[in-house]
Amino acid sequence: MYLHLGQNVMVRGQDVIGIFDLDNTTWSFRTRRFLDKAEREGRVITVGDDLPRSFVLTQEGEGLPAVYITQLSPATLQKRGSGGAWNEL
């Protein structure tokens, strides 16, 4: 199954490590440091131009994790994934 992140961007459900709320997680120094490092390494993909509300951490195979910044809320993404993608994890 696939998880639609908005703006015609989809990721495989089995590649999703986690969905995180930007308002609740970016206060942490470690999260900000992780996101800054991922940005410098070119592993951040911004989905859409609206105000970002969450980020989705994915990893395909043995490669480095990718971070998708999306304007969709974590609750919306979870509902979209509940159609079967999360049952495979």
N, C-alpha and C. Protein backbone atom coordinates (compact mmCIF):
# COMPACT_ATOMS: atom_id res chain seq x y z
N MET A 1 0.83 -1.17 0.00
CA MET A 1 0.00 0.00 0.00
C MET A 1 0.88 1.25 0.00
N TYR A 2 0.28 2.35 -0.40
CA TYR A 2 0.99 3.63 -0.46
C TYR A 2 0.30 4.65 0.43
N LEU A 3 1.08 5.60 0.91
CA LEU A 3 0.57 6.70 1.71
C LEU A 3 0.71 7.97 0.89
N HIS A 4 -0.43 8.64 0.64
CA HIS A 4 -0.43 9.88 -0.14
C HIS A 4 -0.10 11.04 0.79
N LEU A 5 0.98 11.78 0.49
CA LEU A 5 1.44 12.88 1.33
C LEU A 5 0.96 14.24 0.85
N GLY A 6 0.25 14.27 -0.26
CA GLY A 6 -0.22 15.52 -0.85
C GLY A 6 0.58 15.85 -2.10
N GLN A 7 0.02 16.73 -2.94
CA GLN A 7 0.70 17.20 -4.15
C GLN A 7 1.22 16.05 -5.02
N ASN A 8 0.44 14.99 -5.13
CA ASN A 8 0.80 13.83 -5.96
C ASN A 8 2.07 13.12 -5.53
N VAL A 9 2.41 13.20 -4.26
CA VAL A 9 3.58 12.51 -3.71
C VAL A 9 3.08 11.35 -2.85
N MET A 10 3.60 10.16 -3.14
CA MET A 10 3.24 8.97 -2.38
C MET A 10 4.49 8.22 -1.98
N VAL A 11 4.41 7.55 -0.83
CA VAL A 11 5.50 6.69 -0.37
C VAL A 11 4.91 5.33 -0.03
N ARG A 12 5.73 4.31 -0.12
CA ARG A 12 5.27 2.97 0.24
C ARG A 12 5.05 2.90 1.75
N GLY A 13 3.94 2.32 2.15
CA GLY A 13 3.62 2.20 3.57
C GLY A 13 4.69 1.46 4.34
N GLN A 14 5.29 0.45 3.73
CA GLN A 14 6.31 -0.32 4.43
C GLN A 14 7.61 0.45 4.63
N ASP A 15 7.78 1.57 3.93
CA ASP A 15 8.98 2.39 4.08
C ASP A 15 8.84 3.46 5.16
N VAL A 16 7.62 3.66 5.66
CA VAL A 16 7.38 4.72 6.66
C VAL A 16 7.90 4.27 8.02
N ILE A 17 8.77 5.09 8.59
CA ILE A 17 9.28 4.84 9.94
C ILE A 17 8.40 5.55 10.96
N GLY A 18 7.98 6.78 10.63
CA GLY A 18 7.13 7.51 11.56
C GLY A 18 6.57 8.77 10.94
N ILE A 19 5.50 9.25 11.56
CA ILE A 19 4.86 10.50 11.19
C ILE A 19 4.92 11.40 12.42
N PHE A 20 5.43 12.62 12.25
CA PHE A 20 5.69 13.48 13.38
C PHE A 20 5.05 14.85 13.20
N ASP A 21 4.47 15.37 14.25
CA ASP A 21 3.86 16.70 14.26
C ASP A 21 4.98 17.73 14.44
N LEU A 22 5.11 18.67 13.52
CA LEU A 22 6.18 19.66 13.60
C LEU A 22 6.04 20.56 14.82
N ASP A 23 4.82 20.91 15.22
CA ASP A 23 4.63 21.77 16.38
C ASP A 23 5.11 21.11 17.67
N ASN A 24 4.91 19.82 17.79
CA ASN A 24 5.25 19.11 19.02
C ASN A 24 6.66 18.56 19.05
N THR A 25 7.31 18.43 17.91
CA THR A 25 8.63 17.79 17.91
C THR A 25 9.79 18.75 17.71
N THR A 26 9.56 19.88 17.06
CA THR A 26 10.70 20.74 16.73
C THR A 26 11.19 21.57 17.90
N TRP A 27 10.53 21.52 19.04
CA TRP A 27 11.06 22.19 20.22
C TRP A 27 12.30 21.46 20.74
N SER A 28 12.42 20.19 20.39
CA SER A 28 13.55 19.38 20.85
C SER A 28 14.81 19.71 20.04
N PHE A 29 15.90 19.94 20.75
CA PHE A 29 17.18 20.22 20.09
C PHE A 29 17.58 19.06 19.19
N ARG A 30 17.38 17.85 19.63
CA ARG A 30 17.78 16.67 18.84
C ARG A 30 17.00 16.57 17.53
N THR A 31 15.72 16.86 17.59
CA THR A 31 14.91 16.82 16.37
C THR A 31 15.37 17.90 15.40
N ARG A 32 15.57 19.12 15.90
CA ARG A 32 16.04 20.21 15.04
C ARG A 32 17.40 19.87 14.44
N ARG A 33 18.28 19.29 15.23
CA ARG A 33 19.60 18.91 14.73
C ARG A 33 19.48 17.83 13.65
N PHE A 34 18.61 16.85 13.86
CA PHE A 34 18.39 15.80 12.87
C PHE A 34 17.86 16.39 11.56
N LEU A 35 16.84 17.27 11.66
CA LEU A 35 16.26 17.87 10.46
C LEU A 35 17.27 18.76 9.74
N ASP A 36 18.09 19.51 10.48
CA ASP A 36 19.13 20.34 9.87
C ASP A 36 20.14 19.49 9.11
N LYS A 37 20.56 18.39 9.72
CA LYS A 37 21.53 17.50 9.07
C LYS A 37 20.93 16.86 7.81
N ALA A 38 19.68 16.43 7.90
CA ALA A 38 19.02 15.84 6.73
C ALA A 38 18.90 16.86 5.61
N GLU A 39 18.63 18.11 5.96
CA GLU A 39 18.54 19.18 4.96
C GLU A 39 19.89 19.41 4.29
N ARG A 40 20.95 19.46 5.06
CA ARG A 40 22.29 19.65 4.49
C ARG A 40 22.68 18.51 3.58
N GLU A 41 22.24 17.30 3.90
CA GLU A 41 22.57 16.12 3.10
C GLU A 41 21.63 15.93 1.91
N GLY A 42 20.66 16.80 1.76
CA GLY A 42 19.74 16.71 0.62
C GLY A 42 18.70 15.61 0.75
N ARG A 43 18.37 15.23 1.98
CA ARG A 43 17.40 14.16 2.19
C ARG A 43 16.02 14.66 2.57
N VAL A 44 15.79 15.98 2.49
CA VAL A 44 14.50 16.56 2.83
C VAL A 44 13.75 16.89 1.55
N ILE A 45 12.52 16.41 1.46
CA ILE A 45 11.66 16.68 0.32
C ILE A 45 10.47 17.46 0.85
N THR A 46 10.27 18.67 0.34
CA THR A 46 9.13 19.48 0.76
C THR A 46 7.97 19.22 -0.18
N VAL A 47 6.84 18.86 0.40
CA VAL A 47 5.64 18.54 -0.36
C VAL A 47 4.70 19.74 -0.25
N GLY A 48 4.57 20.53 -1.30
CA GLY A 48 3.67 21.67 -1.29
C GLY A 48 4.32 22.93 -0.78
N ASP A 49 3.58 24.03 -0.93
CA ASP A 49 4.10 25.34 -0.55
C ASP A 49 3.41 25.91 0.68
N ASP A 50 2.41 25.23 1.20
CA ASP A 50 1.68 25.72 2.36
C ASP A 50 2.48 25.53 3.64
N LEU A 51 1.96 26.07 4.73
CA LEU A 51 2.59 25.95 6.04
C LEU A 51 2.75 24.49 6.41
N PRO A 52 3.97 24.03 6.68
CA PRO A 52 4.17 22.61 7.02
C PRO A 52 3.59 22.29 8.39
N ARG A 53 2.97 21.10 8.48
CA ARG A 53 2.38 20.67 9.74
C ARG A 53 2.98 19.39 10.27
N SER A 54 3.61 18.62 9.40
CA SER A 54 4.19 17.36 9.87
C SER A 54 5.34 16.95 8.97
N PHE A 55 6.11 15.98 9.47
CA PHE A 55 7.11 15.37 8.61
C PHE A 55 7.02 13.86 8.73
N VAL A 56 7.31 13.21 7.62
CA VAL A 56 7.24 11.76 7.53
C VAL A 56 8.64 11.25 7.28
N LEU A 57 9.09 10.37 8.13
CA LEU A 57 10.42 9.78 8.01
C LEU A 57 10.28 8.43 7.33
N THR A 58 11.01 8.24 6.23
CA THR A 58 10.94 6.98 5.48
C THR A 58 12.33 6.43 5.26
N GLN A 59 12.40 5.14 5.05
CA GLN A 59 13.67 4.51 4.69
C GLN A 59 13.39 3.36 3.75
N GLU A 60 14.01 3.43 2.60
CA GLU A 60 13.85 2.38 1.59
C GLU A 60 15.12 1.55 1.57
N GLY A 61 15.00 0.30 1.91
CA GLY A 61 16.16 -0.60 1.92
C GLY A 61 17.20 -0.17 2.93
N GLU A 62 18.46 -0.25 2.53
CA GLU A 62 19.57 0.08 3.42
C GLU A 62 20.04 1.52 3.30
N GLY A 63 19.38 2.32 2.48
CA GLY A 63 19.78 3.70 2.27
C GLY A 63 19.50 4.58 3.47
N LEU A 64 19.92 5.83 3.38
CA LEU A 64 19.67 6.79 4.44
C LEU A 64 18.20 7.18 4.46
N PRO A 65 17.68 7.51 5.62
CA PRO A 65 16.28 7.92 5.70
C PRO A 65 16.02 9.21 4.93
N ALA A 66 14.81 9.32 4.39
CA ALA A 66 14.36 10.55 3.74
C ALA A 66 13.31 11.19 4.62
N VAL A 67 13.23 12.51 4.57
CA VAL A 67 12.27 13.26 5.36
C VAL A 67 11.36 14.02 4.40
N TYR A 68 10.07 13.77 4.49
CA TYR A 68 9.08 14.48 3.69
C TYR A 68 8.37 15.48 4.59
N ILE A 69 8.46 16.76 4.24
CA ILE A 69 7.78 17.82 4.97
C ILE A 69 6.45 18.07 4.25
N THR A 70 5.34 17.96 4.96
CA THR A 70 4.03 18.09 4.32
C THR A 70 3.11 19.02 5.09
N GLN A 71 2.16 19.61 4.38
CA GLN A 71 1.21 20.51 4.99
C GLN A 71 0.05 19.76 5.64
N LEU A 72 -0.01 18.45 5.47
CA LEU A 72 -1.07 17.65 6.06
C LEU A 72 -0.76 17.36 7.53
N SER A 73 -1.81 17.28 8.33
CA SER A 73 -1.62 17.00 9.76
C SER A 73 -1.29 15.52 9.95
N PRO A 74 -0.63 15.20 11.06
CA PRO A 74 -0.36 13.79 11.35
C PRO A 74 -1.65 12.96 11.43
N ALA A 75 -2.72 13.54 11.96
CA ALA A 75 -3.99 12.80 12.05
C ALA A 75 -4.53 12.45 10.66
N THR A 76 -4.44 13.39 9.73
CA THR A 76 -4.89 13.14 8.36
C THR A 76 -4.05 12.04 7.72
N LEU A 77 -2.75 12.12 7.90
CA LEU A 77 -1.87 11.10 7.33
C LEU A 77 -2.16 9.73 7.94
N GLN A 78 -2.42 9.70 9.23
CA GLN A 78 -2.72 8.43 9.88
C GLN A 78 -4.02 7.84 9.34
N LYS A 79 -5.03 8.69 9.13
CA LYS A 79 -6.28 8.20 8.56
C LYS A 79 -6.07 7.66 7.15
N ARG A 80 -5.25 8.36 6.37
CA ARG A 80 -4.97 7.88 5.01
C ARG A 80 -4.25 6.55 5.05
N GLY A 81 -3.39 6.37 6.00
CA GLY A 81 -2.63 5.13 6.11
C GLY A 81 -3.42 3.99 6.71
N SER A 82 -4.50 4.29 7.40
CA SER A 82 -5.26 3.23 8.05
C SER A 82 -6.02 2.36 7.06
N GLY A 83 -6.00 2.74 5.78
CA GLY A 83 -6.68 1.94 4.77
C GLY A 83 -5.93 0.67 4.43
N GLY A 84 -4.87 0.36 5.14
CA GLY A 84 -4.17 -0.90 4.89
C GLY A 84 -2.67 -0.78 4.95
N ALA A 85 -2.12 0.40 4.73
CA ALA A 85 -0.66 0.54 4.69
C ALA A 85 -0.04 0.17 6.01
N TRP A 86 -0.67 0.57 7.12
CA TRP A 86 -0.07 0.32 8.43
C TRP A 86 -0.22 -1.12 8.85
N ASN A 87 -1.15 -1.84 8.25
CA ASN A 87 -1.30 -3.25 8.60
C ASN A 87 -0.13 -4.08 8.13
N GLU A 88 0.64 -3.56 7.18
CA GLU A 88 1.79 -4.30 6.64
C GLU A 88 3.05 -4.06 7.45
N LEU A 89 3.05 -3.05 8.32
CA LEU A 89 4.27 -2.71 9.07
C LEU A 89 4.53 -3.71 10.16
